[in-house]
Amino acid sequence: MGVIVQDLRYALRQLHRSPGGFTVVAVITLALGIGANTSTFQFLDASAREACR
């Protein structure tokens, strides 16, 4: 578990050192990707449950 925490700290330091625009774009891209994946899964899950009734 300690290695994961070290890796996360290193990643955050590297993002902080890089130009600010890249960090913002990377975070927004990840947020949009996770949100799209979640909403797609919820839609398909609800559709599948409705079809089973």
Protein backbone atom coordinates (compact mmCIF):
# COMPACT_ATOMS: atom_id res chain seq x y z
CA MET A 1 0.00 0.00 0.00
CA GLY A 2 2.90 2.33 0.70
CA VAL A 3 4.14 2.01 -2.88
CA ILE A 4 0.77 3.16 -4.24
CA VAL A 5 0.81 6.22 -2.00
CA GLN A 6 4.37 6.99 -3.14
CA ASP A 7 3.32 6.65 -6.79
CA LEU A 8 0.33 8.93 -6.28
CA ARG A 9 2.48 11.56 -4.60
CA TYR A 10 5.02 11.36 -7.42
CA ALA A 11 2.28 11.68 -10.04
CA LEU A 12 0.80 14.72 -8.30
CA ARG A 13 4.22 16.36 -8.05
CA GLN A 14 4.85 15.78 -11.75
CA LEU A 15 1.45 17.21 -12.69
CA HIS A 16 2.15 20.21 -10.50
CA ARG A 17 5.52 20.83 -12.20
CA SER A 18 4.13 20.54 -15.72
CA PRO A 19 2.39 23.47 -17.37
CA GLY A 20 -0.94 24.24 -15.71
CA GLY A 21 -2.94 23.86 -18.90
CA PHE A 22 -1.95 20.23 -19.30
CA THR A 23 -3.05 19.38 -15.77
CA VAL A 24 -6.44 20.99 -16.28
CA VAL A 25 -6.96 19.24 -19.61
CA ALA A 26 -5.89 15.88 -18.16
CA VAL A 27 -8.26 16.18 -15.18
CA ILE A 28 -11.20 17.32 -17.32
CA THR A 29 -10.59 14.53 -19.84
CA LEU A 30 -10.53 11.92 -17.08
CA ALA A 31 -13.66 13.36 -15.47
CA LEU A 32 -15.57 13.35 -18.77
CA GLY A 33 -14.44 9.81 -19.57
CA ILE A 34 -15.44 8.47 -16.17
CA GLY A 35 -18.78 10.31 -16.32
CA ALA A 36 -19.56 9.02 -19.82
CA ASN A 37 -18.64 5.48 -18.83
CA THR A 38 -20.80 5.64 -15.71
CA SER A 39 -23.84 7.02 -17.50
CA THR A 40 -23.53 4.48 -20.33
CA PHE A 41 -23.28 1.61 -17.86
CA GLN A 42 -26.28 2.87 -15.88
CA PHE A 43 -28.37 3.18 -19.06
CA LEU A 44 -27.44 -0.31 -20.27
CA ASP A 45 -27.97 -1.79 -16.82
CA ALA A 46 -31.43 -0.22 -16.52
CA SER A 47 -32.31 -1.40 -20.05
CA ALA A 48 -31.21 -4.94 -19.28
CA ARG A 49 -33.16 -5.02 -16.02
CA GLU A 50 -36.27 -3.73 -17.76
CA ALA A 51 -35.95 -6.36 -20.48
CA CYS A 52 -35.78 -9.11 -17.83
CA ARG A 53 -39.11 -8.16 -16.26
